[in-house]
Amino acid sequence: DSQEAEVIRAVVIGEQPPDADALIAAFRNSGTLHVFSVSGLHVAMVASIGWWILAWAGVPRRWAVLGLLPLIFGYSWITGNSAPAVRSAWMAAVFLGAFVWRRRPDLLNALGAVLLAAMLLDGRLLFQPGVQLSYGVVAAIAVGTAWAAKRFAWIAAPELYVPEQLMGRWQTWWLHWRKKIAQSLSVSLAAGVGSAPLTAFHFGLVTPVSVVAGLVLVPMVFVLLVAALVAVALFPVFAPVSR
């Protein structure tokens, strides 16, 4: 019943605790509300976890996609089939489907296909703030990440006078993580810039700190999701270990 447990349940399965106004305000003011409630970020993380496991098991990419789809939609179902989770699950399905048909995946194409289908089902969706933010942020990431990456290229720059083939283990590890940090900051900056007009219009709020806050919170959410999925997998066999 602790507040920490309530936050973890909200982050992992979208279970909103009662009297959560203070908690929600903290995430909203830091520009990280998408972390607090199940959204496209969580679906993408679940797909990444499944992709890594299947790749480690040696499953061919084309067949791995077919294994990921039940995982993605199953996670959406477990979290209550919230609108953001369902939208993200379908977008991930369209994006990953390119591998099945041996085509190059394109995030904007997947976004356009899902948005078109959603609009055909209900044309009023486009006027909802949540829908605008969901699709707007994805579009901003697809279009603006390359631009944002130039701002953080200095973080991932290799040593000037040491070829990568001659780097030691520590140098290689440090370069790898600097590239990851630069990539994460690029995505956060693109998402922050793309969502700023919408959050300012709908909520009167702009949160530049989200670029840095996401760098801290997103890895924590990833660890929580891994722990939660492992617990779910172990529960039928080793319930005490799962707890």
Protein backbone atom coordinates (compact mmCIF):
# COMPACT_ATOMS: atom_id res chain seq x y z
CA ASP A 1 0.00 0.00 0.00
CA SER A 2 3.00 2.30 -0.06
CA GLN A 3 3.19 5.26 -2.39
CA GLU A 4 6.20 3.68 -4.08
CA ALA A 5 4.19 0.55 -4.89
CA GLU A 6 1.37 2.69 -6.27
CA VAL A 7 3.80 4.50 -8.56
CA ILE A 8 5.29 1.22 -9.79
CA ARG A 9 1.83 -0.21 -10.58
CA ALA A 10 0.91 2.99 -12.42
CA VAL A 11 4.15 2.92 -14.43
CA VAL A 12 4.06 -0.80 -15.29
CA ILE A 13 0.37 -1.64 -15.80
CA GLY A 14 -1.33 1.76 -15.88
CA GLU A 15 -3.24 1.26 -12.61
CA GLN A 16 -3.95 4.80 -11.46
CA PRO A 17 -3.90 5.09 -7.64
CA PRO A 18 -6.70 6.93 -5.85
CA ASP A 19 -5.95 10.52 -4.92
CA ALA A 20 -3.11 10.60 -7.43
CA ASP A 21 -3.33 14.32 -8.14
CA ALA A 22 -0.09 15.15 -6.33
CA LEU A 23 1.78 12.32 -8.04
CA ILE A 24 0.43 13.22 -11.47
CA ALA A 25 1.35 16.88 -10.94
CA ALA A 26 4.98 15.96 -10.24
CA PHE A 27 5.25 13.99 -13.48
CA ARG A 28 3.34 16.62 -15.47
CA ASN A 29 5.51 19.49 -14.23
CA SER A 30 8.67 17.59 -15.18
CA GLY A 31 7.31 16.78 -18.64
CA THR A 32 7.39 13.04 -17.94
CA LEU A 33 3.69 12.21 -17.61
CA HIS A 34 4.11 9.65 -20.42
CA VAL A 35 6.27 7.67 -17.98
CA PHE A 36 3.62 7.65 -15.25
CA SER A 37 0.85 6.22 -17.44
CA VAL A 38 1.18 3.40 -19.96
CA SER A 39 1.88 4.89 -23.37
CA GLY A 40 3.81 4.29 -26.57
CA LEU A 41 7.05 4.41 -24.60
CA HIS A 42 6.06 1.31 -22.63
CA VAL A 43 4.88 -0.60 -25.69
CA ALA A 44 8.15 0.20 -27.46
CA MET A 45 10.11 -1.00 -24.43
CA VAL A 46 8.17 -4.26 -24.24
CA ALA A 47 8.78 -4.81 -27.96
CA SER A 48 12.49 -4.08 -27.46
CA ILE A 49 12.72 -6.57 -24.59
CA GLY A 50 10.99 -9.27 -26.64
CA TRP A 51 13.12 -8.47 -29.69
CA TRP A 52 16.33 -8.82 -27.67
CA ILE A 53 15.25 -12.15 -26.15
CA LEU A 54 14.25 -13.61 -29.52
CA ALA A 55 17.45 -12.37 -31.16
CA TRP A 56 19.49 -13.90 -28.33
CA ALA A 57 17.63 -17.18 -28.90
CA GLY A 58 18.61 -17.09 -32.57
CA VAL A 59 15.09 -16.60 -33.96
CA PRO A 60 15.20 -15.13 -37.50
CA ARG A 61 14.00 -11.55 -37.73
CA ARG A 62 10.99 -12.38 -39.85
CA TRP A 63 9.70 -14.98 -37.41
CA ALA A 64 10.63 -12.86 -34.41
CA VAL A 65 8.12 -10.24 -35.54
CA LEU A 66 5.34 -12.83 -35.50
CA GLY A 67 6.32 -13.69 -31.94
CA LEU A 68 6.39 -10.04 -30.89
CA LEU A 69 2.85 -9.20 -31.99
CA PRO A 70 1.11 -11.36 -29.33
CA LEU A 71 3.49 -9.91 -26.72
CA ILE A 72 2.70 -6.32 -27.73
CA PHE A 73 -1.08 -6.75 -27.86
CA GLY A 74 -0.99 -8.95 -24.75
CA TYR A 75 0.75 -6.21 -22.80
CA SER A 76 -1.81 -3.70 -24.07
CA TRP A 77 -4.58 -6.02 -22.87
CA ILE A 78 -2.96 -6.53 -19.44
CA THR A 79 -2.83 -2.76 -18.96
CA GLY A 80 -6.55 -2.40 -19.64
CA ASN A 81 -6.37 -1.61 -23.36
CA SER A 82 -5.97 2.08 -22.69
CA ALA A 83 -6.28 4.22 -25.82
CA PRO A 84 -2.57 5.22 -25.93
CA ALA A 85 -1.47 1.60 -25.47
CA VAL A 86 -3.79 0.31 -28.21
CA ARG A 87 -2.70 3.05 -30.63
CA SER A 88 0.94 2.29 -29.93
CA ALA A 89 0.43 -1.46 -30.28
CA TRP A 90 -1.10 -1.04 -33.74
CA MET A 91 1.63 1.39 -34.76
CA ALA A 92 4.30 -1.08 -33.62
CA ALA A 93 2.51 -3.88 -35.51
CA VAL A 94 2.49 -1.88 -38.74
CA PHE A 95 6.11 -0.80 -38.27
CA LEU A 96 7.35 -4.33 -37.54
CA GLY A 97 5.20 -5.79 -40.30
CA ALA A 98 7.65 -4.32 -42.79
CA PHE A 99 10.15 -6.99 -41.75
CA VAL A 100 7.62 -9.74 -42.49
CA TRP A 101 7.05 -8.39 -46.01
CA ARG A 102 10.77 -7.71 -46.47
CA ARG A 103 10.36 -3.95 -46.71
CA ARG A 104 12.31 -1.17 -45.05
CA PRO A 105 10.36 -0.02 -41.96
CA ASP A 106 9.41 3.63 -41.84
CA LEU A 107 8.06 5.28 -38.70
CA LEU A 108 6.16 8.02 -40.55
CA ASN A 109 4.50 5.47 -42.84
CA ALA A 110 3.39 3.42 -39.83
CA LEU A 111 2.12 6.57 -38.12
CA GLY A 112 0.18 7.64 -41.21
CA ALA A 113 -1.40 4.22 -41.72
CA VAL A 114 -2.61 3.91 -38.12
CA LEU A 115 -3.79 7.53 -37.99
CA LEU A 116 -5.73 7.09 -41.24
CA ALA A 117 -7.41 3.92 -39.97
CA ALA A 118 -8.26 5.58 -36.65
CA MET A 119 -9.73 8.61 -38.41
CA LEU A 120 -11.88 6.41 -40.63
CA LEU A 121 -13.30 4.75 -37.52
CA ASP A 122 -13.85 7.99 -35.60
CA GLY A 123 -13.11 11.36 -37.19
CA ARG A 124 -13.42 13.14 -33.85
CA LEU A 125 -10.24 11.57 -32.51
CA LEU A 126 -8.06 14.21 -34.13
CA PHE A 127 -9.51 16.87 -31.82
CA GLN A 128 -8.57 15.06 -28.60
CA PRO A 129 -5.43 16.43 -26.85
CA GLY A 130 -4.19 12.93 -26.01
CA VAL A 131 -4.40 11.82 -29.63
CA GLN A 132 -2.69 14.98 -30.85
CA LEU A 133 0.13 14.49 -28.35
CA SER A 134 0.51 10.77 -29.12
CA TYR A 135 0.78 11.16 -32.87
CA GLY A 136 2.43 14.57 -32.74
CA VAL A 137 5.30 13.38 -30.56
CA VAL A 138 5.91 10.32 -32.75
CA ALA A 139 5.95 12.52 -35.84
CA ALA A 140 8.35 14.94 -34.12
CA ILE A 141 10.68 12.06 -33.21
CA ALA A 142 10.59 10.70 -36.77
CA VAL A 143 11.27 14.09 -38.34
CA GLY A 144 13.40 15.86 -35.75
CA THR A 145 15.73 13.24 -34.29
CA ALA A 146 18.32 13.68 -37.06
CA TRP A 147 18.32 17.44 -36.42
CA ALA A 148 18.56 16.96 -32.66
CA ALA A 149 21.38 14.42 -33.04
CA LYS A 150 23.63 17.15 -34.47
CA ARG A 151 23.29 19.07 -31.18
CA PHE A 152 24.65 16.12 -29.19
CA ALA A 153 27.14 14.73 -31.69
CA TRP A 154 30.01 15.95 -29.50
CA ILE A 155 28.99 13.52 -26.76
CA ALA A 156 29.37 10.50 -29.04
CA ALA A 157 32.51 11.72 -30.84
CA PRO A 158 35.28 9.06 -30.73
CA GLU A 159 38.84 9.79 -29.69
CA LEU A 160 40.62 11.87 -32.32
CA TYR A 161 43.88 9.97 -32.36
CA VAL A 162 42.78 6.49 -31.30
CA PRO A 163 41.08 4.28 -33.94
CA GLU A 164 38.16 2.29 -32.58
CA GLN A 165 39.94 -0.95 -33.48
CA LEU A 166 42.74 -0.04 -31.05
CA MET A 167 40.54 1.04 -28.16
CA GLY A 168 40.73 -0.86 -24.92
CA ARG A 169 37.75 -2.46 -23.24
CA TRP A 170 37.07 0.58 -21.02
CA GLN A 171 37.35 3.01 -23.92
CA THR A 172 35.01 0.89 -26.07
CA TRP A 173 32.48 0.62 -23.23
CA TRP A 174 32.60 4.35 -22.55
CA LEU A 175 32.14 5.21 -26.25
CA HIS A 176 29.20 2.81 -26.48
CA TRP A 177 27.41 4.45 -23.56
CA ARG A 178 28.17 7.96 -24.79
CA LYS A 179 26.48 7.04 -28.07
CA LYS A 180 23.47 5.72 -26.15
CA ILE A 181 23.25 8.92 -24.09
CA ALA A 182 23.53 11.10 -27.20
CA GLN A 183 20.82 9.08 -28.92
CA SER A 184 18.50 9.31 -25.90
CA LEU A 185 19.03 13.06 -25.59
CA SER A 186 18.35 13.47 -29.32
CA VAL A 187 15.03 11.63 -29.08
CA SER A 188 14.08 13.55 -25.92
CA LEU A 189 14.92 16.90 -27.52
CA ALA A 190 12.95 16.09 -30.67
CA ALA A 191 9.97 14.94 -28.60
CA GLY A 192 10.20 17.96 -26.30
CA VAL A 193 10.36 20.48 -29.14
CA GLY A 194 7.56 18.72 -31.02
CA SER A 195 5.23 18.49 -28.02
CA ALA A 196 5.89 22.00 -26.66
CA PRO A 197 3.33 23.80 -28.88
CA LEU A 198 0.65 21.23 -28.00
CA THR A 199 1.29 21.25 -24.25
CA ALA A 200 1.40 25.05 -24.26
CA PHE A 201 -1.90 25.23 -26.15
CA HIS A 202 -3.81 22.57 -24.19
CA PHE A 203 -2.27 22.87 -20.71
CA GLY A 204 -0.45 26.21 -20.65
CA LEU A 205 2.74 24.37 -19.76
CA VAL A 206 6.19 24.04 -21.37
CA THR A 207 8.78 21.80 -19.68
CA PRO A 208 12.31 22.02 -21.13
CA VAL A 209 13.55 19.97 -18.15
CA SER A 210 11.88 16.92 -19.76
CA VAL A 211 14.92 16.50 -22.02
CA VAL A 212 17.11 15.72 -19.00
CA ALA A 213 14.38 14.16 -16.83
CA GLY A 214 13.64 11.57 -19.49
CA LEU A 215 17.28 10.55 -19.56
CA VAL A 216 16.99 9.60 -15.88
CA LEU A 217 13.47 8.16 -15.73
CA VAL A 218 13.29 6.15 -18.97
CA PRO A 219 16.07 3.68 -17.96
CA MET A 220 14.33 3.25 -14.58
CA VAL A 221 11.04 2.43 -16.30
CA PHE A 222 12.86 -0.04 -18.55
CA VAL A 223 14.26 -1.85 -15.50
CA LEU A 224 10.80 -1.90 -13.88
CA LEU A 225 9.25 -3.39 -17.03
CA VAL A 226 11.92 -6.08 -17.25
CA ALA A 227 11.35 -7.00 -13.60
CA ALA A 228 7.58 -7.03 -14.07
CA LEU A 229 7.69 -9.23 -17.19
CA VAL A 230 10.10 -11.67 -15.52
CA ALA A 231 7.79 -11.80 -12.48
CA VAL A 232 4.77 -12.54 -14.69
CA ALA A 233 6.68 -15.31 -16.48
CA LEU A 234 7.85 -16.89 -13.20
CA PHE A 235 4.58 -16.65 -11.27
CA PRO A 236 2.95 -19.86 -12.59
CA VAL A 237 6.09 -21.85 -11.73
CA PHE A 238 7.89 -20.05 -8.88
CA ALA A 239 5.43 -17.73 -7.20
CA PRO A 240 7.73 -16.86 -4.24
CA VAL A 241 10.55 -15.92 -6.61
CA SER A 242 8.09 -13.87 -8.63
CA ARG A 243 7.08 -11.88 -5.54
